[in-house]
């Protein structure tokens, strides 16, 4: 199995998007929990955001292959 360069570039872009989403969303939830004491299940949201890393990398790989091959 060979990995295509455009696919890997797409996967890297997907990883960057997932990282950006994680870095934007998680501090907001931590700050919300600290300020008003509401019960937000941060761990569940964190798991969903971590799953986005895999999903967006795979989607980015296939989009990269479709657009540049």
PDB file of N, CA and C in Angstrom:
ATOM      1  N   UNK A   1       0.847  -1.171   0.000  1.00  0.00           N
ATOM      2  CA  UNK A   1       0.000   0.000   0.000  1.00  0.00           C
ATOM      3  C   UNK A   1       0.897   1.241   0.000  1.00  0.00           C
ATOM      4  N   UNK A   2       0.635   2.117  -0.942  1.00  0.00           N
ATOM      5  CA  UNK A   2       1.406   3.351  -1.009  1.00  0.00           C
ATOM      6  C   UNK A   2       0.507   4.525  -0.651  1.00  0.00           C
ATOM      7  N   UNK A   3       1.065   5.460   0.035  1.00  0.00           N
ATOM      8  CA  UNK A   3       0.332   6.665   0.418  1.00  0.00           C
ATOM      9  C   UNK A   3       0.697   7.777  -0.548  1.00  0.00           C
ATOM     10  N   UNK A   4      -0.312   8.478  -1.036  1.00  0.00           N
ATOM     11  CA  UNK A   4      -0.050   9.544  -1.985  1.00  0.00           C
ATOM     12  C   UNK A   4       0.332  10.833  -1.264  1.00  0.00           C
ATOM     13  N   UNK A   5       1.165  11.606  -1.893  1.00  0.00           N
ATOM     14  CA  UNK A   5       1.591  12.879  -1.314  1.00  0.00           C
ATOM     15  C   UNK A   5       0.418  13.844  -1.161  1.00  0.00           C
ATOM     16  N   UNK A   6      -0.453  14.001  -2.180  1.00  0.00           N
ATOM     17  CA  UNK A   6      -1.605  14.892  -1.984  1.00  0.00           C
ATOM     18  C   UNK A   6      -2.513  14.436  -0.845  1.00  0.00           C
ATOM     19  N   UNK A   7      -2.658  13.132  -0.693  1.00  0.00           N
ATOM     20  CA  UNK A   7      -3.461  12.613   0.401  1.00  0.00           C
ATOM     21  C   UNK A   7      -2.860  12.928   1.754  1.00  0.00           C
ATOM     22  N   UNK A   8      -1.555  12.816   1.858  1.00  0.00           N
ATOM     23  CA  UNK A   8      -0.885  13.127   3.122  1.00  0.00           C
ATOM     24  C   UNK A   8      -0.962  14.618   3.440  1.00  0.00           C
ATOM     25  N   UNK A   9      -0.895  15.450   2.412  1.00  0.00           N
ATOM     26  CA  UNK A   9      -1.057  16.883   2.630  1.00  0.00           C
ATOM     27  C   UNK A   9      -2.468  17.179   3.121  1.00  0.00           C
ATOM     28  N   UNK A  10      -3.455  16.528   2.510  1.00  0.00           N
ATOM     29  CA  UNK A  10      -4.841  16.696   2.961  1.00  0.00           C
ATOM     30  C   UNK A  10      -5.026  16.220   4.392  1.00  0.00           C
ATOM     31  N   UNK A  11      -4.387  15.117   4.739  1.00  0.00           N
ATOM     32  CA  UNK A  11      -4.479  14.600   6.107  1.00  0.00           C
ATOM     33  C   UNK A  11      -3.842  15.572   7.096  1.00  0.00           C
ATOM     34  N   UNK A  12      -2.725  16.187   6.713  1.00  0.00           N
ATOM     35  CA  UNK A  12      -2.075  17.163   7.585  1.00  0.00           C
ATOM     36  C   UNK A  12      -2.976  18.380   7.784  1.00  0.00           C
ATOM     37  N   UNK A  13      -3.643  18.808   6.728  1.00  0.00           N
ATOM     38  CA  UNK A  13      -4.573  19.936   6.851  1.00  0.00           C
ATOM     39  C   UNK A  13      -5.733  19.559   7.765  1.00  0.00           C
ATOM     40  N   UNK A  14      -6.243  18.328   7.638  1.00  0.00           N
ATOM     41  CA  UNK A  14      -7.305  17.862   8.521  1.00  0.00           C
ATOM     42  C   UNK A  14      -6.871  17.836   9.976  1.00  0.00           C
ATOM     43  N   UNK A  15      -5.637  17.417  10.216  1.00  0.00           N
ATOM     44  CA  UNK A  15      -5.118  17.409  11.584  1.00  0.00           C
ATOM     45  C   UNK A  15      -5.002  18.822  12.145  1.00  0.00           C
ATOM     46  N   UNK A  16      -4.581  19.759  11.309  1.00  0.00           N
ATOM     47  CA  UNK A  16      -4.482  21.148  11.763  1.00  0.00           C
ATOM     48  C   UNK A  16      -5.851  21.733  12.091  1.00  0.00           C
ATOM     49  N   UNK A  17      -6.859  21.376  11.304  1.00  0.00           N
ATOM     50  CA  UNK A  17      -8.220  21.841  11.589  1.00  0.00           C
ATOM     51  C   UNK A  17      -8.733  21.259  12.903  1.00  0.00           C
ATOM     52  N   UNK A  18      -8.474  19.977  13.128  1.00  0.00           N
ATOM     53  CA  UNK A  18      -8.908  19.348  14.377  1.00  0.00           C
ATOM     54  C   UNK A  18      -8.176  19.960  15.572  1.00  0.00           C
ATOM     55  N   UNK A  19      -6.899  20.237  15.413  1.00  0.00           N
ATOM     56  CA  UNK A  19      -6.132  20.861  16.487  1.00  0.00           C
ATOM     57  C   UNK A  19      -6.668  22.255  16.793  1.00  0.00           C
ATOM     58  N   UNK A  20      -6.980  23.011  15.752  1.00  0.00           N
ATOM     59  CA  UNK A  20      -7.521  24.350  15.958  1.00  0.00           C
ATOM     60  C   UNK A  20      -8.855  24.291  16.699  1.00  0.00           C
ATOM     61  N   UNK A  21      -9.717  23.355  16.312  1.00  0.00           N
ATOM     62  CA  UNK A  21     -11.004  23.218  16.988  1.00  0.00           C
ATOM     63  C   UNK A  21     -10.806  22.844  18.458  1.00  0.00           C
ATOM     64  N   UNK A  22      -9.886  21.934  18.724  1.00  0.00           N
ATOM     65  CA  UNK A  22      -9.625  21.501  20.096  1.00  0.00           C
ATOM     66  C   UNK A  22      -9.103  22.661  20.941  1.00  0.00           C
ATOM     67  N   UNK A  23      -8.161  23.416  20.383  1.00  0.00           N
ATOM     68  CA  UNK A  23      -7.561  24.509  21.137  1.00  0.00           C
ATOM     69  C   UNK A  23      -8.518  25.674  21.354  1.00  0.00           C
ATOM     70  N   UNK A  24      -9.519  25.803  20.508  1.00  0.00           N
ATOM     71  CA  UNK A  24     -10.499  26.876  20.678  1.00  0.00           C
ATOM     72  C   UNK A  24     -11.591  26.466  21.656  1.00  0.00           C
ATOM     73  N   UNK A  25     -12.068  25.238  21.553  1.00  0.00           N
ATOM     74  CA  UNK A  25     -13.239  24.809  22.326  1.00  0.00           C
ATOM     75  C   UNK A  25     -12.901  24.450  23.766  1.00  0.00           C
ATOM     76  N   UNK A  26     -11.826  23.721  24.000  1.00  0.00           N
ATOM     77  CA  UNK A  26     -11.553  23.231  25.352  1.00  0.00           C
ATOM     78  C   UNK A  26     -11.329  24.334  26.387  1.00  0.00           C
ATOM     79  N   UNK A  27     -10.573  25.362  26.091  1.00  0.00           N
ATOM     80  CA  UNK A  27     -10.433  26.419  27.113  1.00  0.00           C
ATOM     81  C   UNK A  27     -11.758  27.106  27.437  1.00  0.00           C
ATOM     82  N   UNK A  28     -12.640  27.204  26.459  1.00  0.00           N
ATOM     83  CA  UNK A  28     -13.944  27.818  26.707  1.00  0.00           C
ATOM     84  C   UNK A  28     -14.753  26.991  27.706  1.00  0.00           C
ATOM     85  N   UNK A  29     -14.736  25.672  27.561  1.00  0.00           N
ATOM     86  CA  UNK A  29     -15.477  24.818  28.489  1.00  0.00           C
ATOM     87  C   UNK A  29     -14.858  24.832  29.878  1.00  0.00           C
ATOM     88  N   UNK A  30     -13.552  24.856  29.949  1.00  0.00           N
ATOM     89  CA  UNK A  30     -12.899  24.906  31.262  1.00  0.00           C
ATOM     90  C   UNK A  30     -13.210  26.219  31.963  1.00  0.00           C
ATOM     91  N   UNK A  31     -13.230  27.300  31.210  1.00  0.00           N
ATOM     92  CA  UNK A  31     -13.536  28.603  31.785  1.00  0.00           C
ATOM     93  C   UNK A  31     -14.999  28.675  32.219  1.00  0.00           C
ATOM     94  N   UNK A  32     -15.900  28.090  31.431  1.00  0.00           N
ATOM     95  CA  UNK A  32     -17.318  28.084  31.772  1.00  0.00           C
ATOM     96  C   UNK A  32     -17.551  27.302  33.059  1.00  0.00           C
ATOM     97  N   UNK A  33     -16.903  26.157  33.183  1.00  0.00           N
ATOM     98  CA  UNK A  33     -17.067  25.342  34.384  1.00  0.00           C
ATOM     99  C   UNK A  33     -16.533  26.079  35.611  1.00  0.00           C
ATOM    100  N   UNK A  34     -15.426  26.771  35.444  1.00  0.00           N
ATOM    101  CA  UNK A  34     -14.816  27.455  36.580  1.00  0.00           C
ATOM    102  C   UNK A  34     -15.627  28.665  37.016  1.00  0.00           C
ATOM    103  N   UNK A  35     -16.301  29.315  36.067  1.00  0.00           N
ATOM    104  CA  UNK A  35     -16.960  30.570  36.412  1.00  0.00           C
ATOM    105  C   UNK A  35     -18.336  30.387  37.048  1.00  0.00           C
ATOM    106  N   UNK A  36     -19.155  29.474  36.522  1.00  0.00           N
ATOM    107  CA  UNK A  36     -20.511  29.395  37.067  1.00  0.00           C
ATOM    108  C   UNK A  36     -20.851  28.056  37.721  1.00  0.00           C
ATOM    109  N   UNK A  37     -19.972  27.101  37.706  1.00  0.00           N
ATOM    110  CA  UNK A  37     -20.181  25.857  38.416  1.00  0.00           C
ATOM    111  C   UNK A  37     -21.206  24.907  37.806  1.00  0.00           C
ATOM    112  N   UNK A  38     -21.616  25.145  36.560  1.00  0.00           N
ATOM    113  CA  UNK A  38     -22.583  24.247  35.932  1.00  0.00           C
ATOM    114  C   UNK A  38     -21.933  22.912  35.620  1.00  0.00           C
ATOM    115  N   UNK A  39     -22.767  21.894  35.549  1.00  0.00           N
ATOM    116  CA  UNK A  39     -22.266  20.547  35.311  1.00  0.00           C
ATOM    117  C   UNK A  39     -22.172  20.292  33.807  1.00  0.00           C
ATOM    118  N   UNK A  40     -21.006  20.536  33.245  1.00  0.00           N
ATOM    119  CA  UNK A  40     -20.751  20.238  31.840  1.00  0.00           C
ATOM    120  C   UNK A  40     -19.834  19.022  31.821  1.00  0.00           C
ATOM    121  N   UNK A  41     -20.208  18.053  31.034  1.00  0.00           N
ATOM    122  CA  UNK A  41     -19.395  16.846  30.954  1.00  0.00           C
ATOM    123  C   UNK A  41     -18.226  17.114  30.003  1.00  0.00           C
ATOM    124  N   UNK A  42     -17.187  17.697  30.541  1.00  0.00           N
ATOM    125  CA  UNK A  42     -16.034  18.094  29.733  1.00  0.00           C
ATOM    126  C   UNK A  42     -15.325  16.871  29.165  1.00  0.00           C
ATOM    127  N   UNK A  43     -15.297  15.798  29.896  1.00  0.00           N
ATOM    128  CA  UNK A  43     -14.588  14.602  29.425  1.00  0.00           C
ATOM    129  C   UNK A  43     -15.234  14.029  28.167  1.00  0.00           C
ATOM    130  N   UNK A  44     -16.561  14.037  28.098  1.00  0.00           N
ATOM    131  CA  UNK A  44     -17.250  13.542  26.904  1.00  0.00           C
ATOM    132  C   UNK A  44     -16.979  14.453  25.713  1.00  0.00           C
ATOM    133  N   UNK A  45     -16.999  15.742  25.929  1.00  0.00           N
ATOM    134  CA  UNK A  45     -16.722  16.691  24.852  1.00  0.00           C
ATOM    135  C   UNK A  45     -15.275  16.553  24.399  1.00  0.00           C
ATOM    136  N   UNK A  46     -14.393  16.319  25.342  1.00  0.00           N
ATOM    137  CA  UNK A  46     -12.977  16.142  25.009  1.00  0.00           C
ATOM    138  C   UNK A  46     -12.781  14.892  24.150  1.00  0.00           C
ATOM    139  N   UNK A  47     -13.471  13.810  24.459  1.00  0.00           N
ATOM    140  CA  UNK A  47     -13.359  12.581  23.666  1.00  0.00           C
ATOM    141  C   UNK A  47     -13.870  12.790  22.244  1.00  0.00           C
ATOM    142  N   UNK A  48     -14.953  13.534  22.117  1.00  0.00           N
ATOM    143  CA  UNK A  48     -15.486  13.818  20.784  1.00  0.00           C
ATOM    144  C   UNK A  48     -14.484  14.639  19.983  1.00  0.00           C
ATOM    145  N   UNK A  49     -13.894  15.633  20.621  1.00  0.00           N
ATOM    146  CA  UNK A  49     -12.910  16.460  19.922  1.00  0.00           C
ATOM    147  C   UNK A  49     -11.654  15.668  19.569  1.00  0.00           C
ATOM    148  N   UNK A  50     -11.271  14.732  20.405  1.00  0.00           N
ATOM    149  CA  UNK A  50     -10.120  13.891  20.092  1.00  0.00           C
ATOM    150  C   UNK A  50     -10.429  12.934  18.943  1.00  0.00           C
ATOM    151  N   UNK A  51     -11.667  12.464  18.858  1.00  0.00           N
ATOM    152  CA  UNK A  51     -12.066  11.613  17.736  1.00  0.00           C
ATOM    153  C   UNK A  51     -12.036  12.402  16.430  1.00  0.00           C
ATOM    154  N   UNK A  52     -12.250  13.711  16.520  1.00  0.00           N
ATOM    155  CA  UNK A  52     -12.181  14.547  15.323  1.00  0.00           C
ATOM    156  C   UNK A  52     -10.807  14.506  14.677  1.00  0.00           C
ATOM    157  N   UNK A  53      -9.755  14.287  15.449  1.00  0.00           N
ATOM    158  CA  UNK A  53      -8.420  14.200  14.869  1.00  0.00           C
ATOM    159  C   UNK A  53      -8.361  13.073  13.843  1.00  0.00           C
ATOM    160  N   UNK A  54      -8.882  11.920  14.197  1.00  0.00           N
ATOM    161  CA  UNK A  54      -8.857  10.774  13.290  1.00  0.00           C
ATOM    162  C   UNK A  54      -9.780  11.015  12.107  1.00  0.00           C
ATOM    163  N   UNK A  55     -10.984  11.467  12.386  1.00  0.00           N
ATOM    164  CA  UNK A  55     -11.985  11.660  11.327  1.00  0.00           C
ATOM    165  C   UNK A  55     -11.508  12.699  10.317  1.00  0.00           C
ATOM    166  N   UNK A  56     -11.043  13.839  10.785  1.00  0.00           N
ATOM    167  CA  UNK A  56     -10.622  14.887   9.860  1.00  0.00           C
ATOM    168  C   UNK A  56      -9.350  14.511   9.110  1.00  0.00           C
ATOM    169  N   UNK A  57      -8.480  13.726   9.710  1.00  0.00           N
ATOM    170  CA  UNK A  57      -7.297  13.264   8.990  1.00  0.00           C
ATOM    171  C   UNK A  57      -7.693  12.326   7.848  1.00  0.00           C
ATOM    172  N   UNK A  58      -8.613  11.418   8.103  1.00  0.00           N
ATOM    173  CA  UNK A  58      -9.057  10.487   7.057  1.00  0.00           C
ATOM    174  C   UNK A  58      -9.800  11.230   5.954  1.00  0.00           C
ATOM    175  N   UNK A  59     -10.704  12.109   6.345  1.00  0.00           N
ATOM    176  CA  UNK A  59     -11.452  12.889   5.351  1.00  0.00           C
ATOM    177  C   UNK A  59     -10.489  13.762   4.543  1.00  0.00           C
ATOM    178  N   UNK A  60      -9.541  14.388   5.210  1.00  0.00           N
ATOM    179  CA  UNK A  60      -8.558  15.215   4.511  1.00  0.00           C
ATOM    180  C   UNK A  60      -7.716  14.409   3.546  1.00  0.00           C
ATOM    181  N   UNK A  61      -7.382  13.188   3.919  1.00  0.00           N
ATOM    182  CA  UNK A  61      -6.604  12.329   3.030  1.00  0.00           C
ATOM    183  C   UNK A  61      -7.371  12.058   1.741  1.00  0.00           C
ATOM    184  N   UNK A  62      -8.641  11.697   1.875  1.00  0.00           N
ATOM    185  CA  UNK A  62      -9.422  11.375   0.679  1.00  0.00           C
ATOM    186  C   UNK A  62      -9.739  12.621  -0.157  1.00  0.00           C
ATOM    187  N   UNK A  63      -9.975  13.731   0.488  1.00  0.00           N
ATOM    188  CA  UNK A  63     -10.210  14.967  -0.263  1.00  0.00           C
ATOM    189  C   UNK A  63      -8.937  15.393  -0.992  1.00  0.00           C
ATOM    190  N   UNK A  64      -7.793  15.245  -0.344  1.00  0.00           N
ATOM    191  CA  UNK A  64      -6.523  15.550  -0.995  1.00  0.00           C
ATOM    192  C   UNK A  64      -6.283  14.689  -2.211  1.00  0.00           C
ATOM    193  N   UNK A  65      -6.625  13.416  -2.125  1.00  0.00           N
ATOM    194  CA  UNK A  65      -6.480  12.531  -3.273  1.00  0.00           C
ATOM    195  C   UNK A  65      -7.438  12.926  -4.400  1.00  0.00           C
ATOM    196  N   UNK A  66      -8.653  13.260  -4.059  1.00  0.00           N
ATOM    197  CA  UNK A  66      -9.639  13.626  -5.084  1.00  0.00           C
ATOM    198  C   UNK A  66      -9.279  14.926  -5.785  1.00  0.00           C
ATOM    199  N   UNK A  67      -8.802  15.893  -5.053  1.00  0.00           N
ATOM    200  CA  UNK A  67      -8.546  17.210  -5.635  1.00  0.00           C
ATOM    201  C   UNK A  67      -7.243  17.266  -6.425  1.00  0.00           C
ATOM    202  N   UNK A  68      -6.230  16.551  -5.994  1.00  0.00           N
ATOM    203  CA  UNK A  68      -4.911  16.745  -6.591  1.00  0.00           C
ATOM    204  C   UNK A  68      -4.390  15.552  -7.378  1.00  0.00           C
ATOM    205  N   UNK A  69      -5.138  14.504  -7.506  1.00  0.00           N
ATOM    206  CA  UNK A  69      -4.701  13.358  -8.342  1.00  0.00           C
ATOM    207  C   UNK A  69      -5.449  13.351  -9.626  1.00  0.00           C
TER     208      UNK A  69
END
